[in-house]
Amino acid sequence: MAIIEEMSDKEFIRQTVYDDPWKILLFKQKFLSDDLWMIAIDQEPDIFKYVKNPSSNLCYYALEANGRNLEYVPEDKINSKMVAIASRTNRKGAKPYIPKKFLDKNDQDFYVDFDKNTRSHNDV
């Protein structure tokens, strides 16, 4: 006789996402947390585009995984640190999605206000 382990709904969802990150899309939004999205993004960074109303914390996480995810960060949440992270992790992929306020006067390159925890794109 097989012993079946009982899992809570949260444990089941977490294990399902860990086993196959794309299955996160099968669950209702009310069951999804930043932690679950982070598990999925760790394995499939492109999955970030499906996050509805991402928190700033999740946006930073997704940009660390792939700077091209800047395309899916709501523009009102984008700040200089996010631009710096995106440029460090995927400069070429992020550049088309950098808001104009971060571009130089010729729209050729971008600048950011760096703090001591953020590297400049020239350091990469």
Protein backbone atom coordinates (compact mmCIF):
# COMPACT_ATOMS: atom_id res chain seq x y z
CA MET A 1 0.00 0.00 0.00
CA ALA A 2 1.46 3.34 -1.05
CA ILE A 3 1.74 6.16 1.41
CA ILE A 4 0.61 9.45 -0.06
CA GLU A 5 2.10 12.55 1.48
CA GLU A 6 -0.34 15.36 2.01
CA MET A 7 0.75 18.75 0.75
CA SER A 8 -0.76 22.10 1.45
CA ASP A 9 -1.94 24.09 -1.53
CA LYS A 10 1.05 26.41 -1.18
CA GLU A 11 3.50 23.51 -1.11
CA PHE A 12 1.83 21.93 -4.12
CA ILE A 13 1.99 25.14 -6.15
CA ARG A 14 5.62 25.74 -5.12
CA GLN A 15 6.67 22.22 -6.12
CA THR A 16 4.76 22.46 -9.40
CA VAL A 17 6.47 25.73 -10.32
CA TYR A 18 9.85 24.36 -9.28
CA ASP A 19 9.33 21.27 -11.46
CA ASP A 20 8.08 23.27 -14.47
CA PRO A 21 8.21 27.07 -14.24
CA TRP A 22 5.78 27.54 -17.13
CA LYS A 23 3.03 25.91 -15.07
CA ILE A 24 2.91 29.07 -12.96
CA LEU A 25 0.69 30.42 -15.72
CA LEU A 26 -1.96 27.84 -14.87
CA PHE A 27 -2.59 29.22 -11.38
CA LYS A 28 -4.87 32.11 -10.51
CA GLN A 29 -3.14 35.37 -9.66
CA LYS A 30 -4.37 35.25 -6.06
CA PHE A 31 -2.21 32.15 -5.43
CA LEU A 32 0.98 33.70 -6.83
CA SER A 33 3.59 35.49 -4.75
CA ASP A 34 6.89 37.15 -5.59
CA ASP A 35 8.64 34.07 -4.19
CA LEU A 36 6.88 31.80 -6.68
CA TRP A 37 7.66 34.13 -9.57
CA MET A 38 11.31 34.20 -8.47
CA ILE A 39 11.46 30.41 -8.62
CA ALA A 40 10.09 30.55 -12.16
CA ILE A 41 12.35 33.45 -13.23
CA ASP A 42 15.43 31.62 -11.93
CA GLN A 43 14.75 28.87 -14.45
CA GLU A 44 13.08 30.86 -17.23
CA PRO A 45 13.89 34.60 -17.11
CA ASP A 46 11.56 35.31 -20.04
CA ILE A 47 8.54 34.28 -17.97
CA PHE A 48 8.63 37.71 -16.27
CA LYS A 49 6.63 39.16 -19.15
CA TYR A 50 3.56 37.36 -17.81
CA VAL A 51 3.66 38.96 -14.36
CA LYS A 52 0.73 41.28 -13.80
CA ASN A 53 1.55 44.36 -11.72
CA PRO A 54 5.02 43.26 -10.57
CA SER A 55 6.40 44.66 -7.33
CA SER A 56 9.59 46.72 -7.50
CA ASN A 57 11.40 43.90 -5.74
CA LEU A 58 10.33 41.42 -8.42
CA CYS A 59 11.33 43.87 -11.15
CA TYR A 60 14.85 44.10 -9.72
CA TYR A 61 15.01 40.32 -9.52
CA ALA A 62 13.90 39.88 -13.12
CA LEU A 63 16.44 42.45 -14.32
CA GLU A 64 19.23 40.61 -12.52
CA ALA A 65 18.16 37.49 -14.41
CA ASN A 66 18.10 39.28 -17.78
CA GLY A 67 18.28 43.00 -18.52
CA ARG A 68 15.96 42.56 -21.48
CA ASN A 69 13.16 42.17 -18.95
CA LEU A 70 13.23 45.97 -18.75
CA GLU A 71 10.68 45.79 -21.57
CA TYR A 72 8.13 44.40 -19.11
CA VAL A 73 8.82 46.67 -16.14
CA PRO A 74 6.09 49.31 -15.92
CA GLU A 75 7.63 52.59 -17.03
CA ASP A 76 6.52 54.40 -13.87
CA LYS A 77 8.60 51.94 -11.82
CA ILE A 78 11.81 52.23 -13.85
CA ASN A 79 14.57 54.08 -12.02
CA SER A 80 18.26 54.65 -12.58
CA LYS A 81 19.28 51.60 -10.54
CA MET A 82 17.03 49.37 -12.66
CA VAL A 83 18.58 50.82 -15.82
CA ALA A 84 22.05 50.13 -14.42
CA ILE A 85 21.17 46.54 -13.52
CA ALA A 86 19.58 45.95 -16.93
CA SER A 87 22.63 47.35 -18.70
CA ARG A 88 24.95 45.15 -16.66
CA THR A 89 23.04 41.93 -17.30
CA ASN A 90 22.07 42.55 -20.95
CA ARG A 91 23.03 45.97 -22.26
CA LYS A 92 22.08 45.29 -25.86
CA GLY A 93 18.74 43.70 -24.97
CA ALA A 94 17.79 46.44 -22.50
CA LYS A 95 18.73 49.52 -24.51
CA PRO A 96 15.59 49.72 -26.70
CA TYR A 97 13.42 49.79 -23.55
CA ILE A 98 15.24 52.50 -21.61
CA PRO A 99 12.99 55.54 -21.14
CA LYS A 100 14.17 58.69 -22.90
CA LYS A 101 14.88 60.47 -19.62
CA PHE A 102 17.81 58.09 -19.15
CA LEU A 103 19.23 58.66 -22.65
CA ASP A 104 21.75 61.35 -23.53
CA LYS A 105 20.76 64.30 -25.73
CA ASN A 106 21.51 62.33 -28.91
CA ASP A 107 19.63 59.21 -27.74
CA GLN A 108 22.86 57.37 -28.46
CA ASP A 109 23.79 56.25 -25.00
CA PHE A 110 22.32 56.33 -21.55
CA TYR A 111 23.38 57.61 -18.22
CA VAL A 112 22.36 56.70 -14.73
CA ASP A 113 22.84 58.12 -11.29
CA PHE A 114 25.02 55.47 -9.75
CA ASP A 115 25.30 54.74 -6.10
CA LYS A 116 28.16 52.81 -4.57
CA ASN A 117 26.31 49.50 -4.98
CA THR A 118 25.78 49.82 -8.74
CA ARG A 119 28.41 49.46 -11.41
CA SER A 120 28.51 51.75 -14.41
CA HIS A 121 28.05 50.28 -17.87
CA ASN A 122 31.65 51.30 -18.54
CA ASP A 123 32.75 48.88 -15.79
CA VAL A 124 31.23 45.88 -17.54
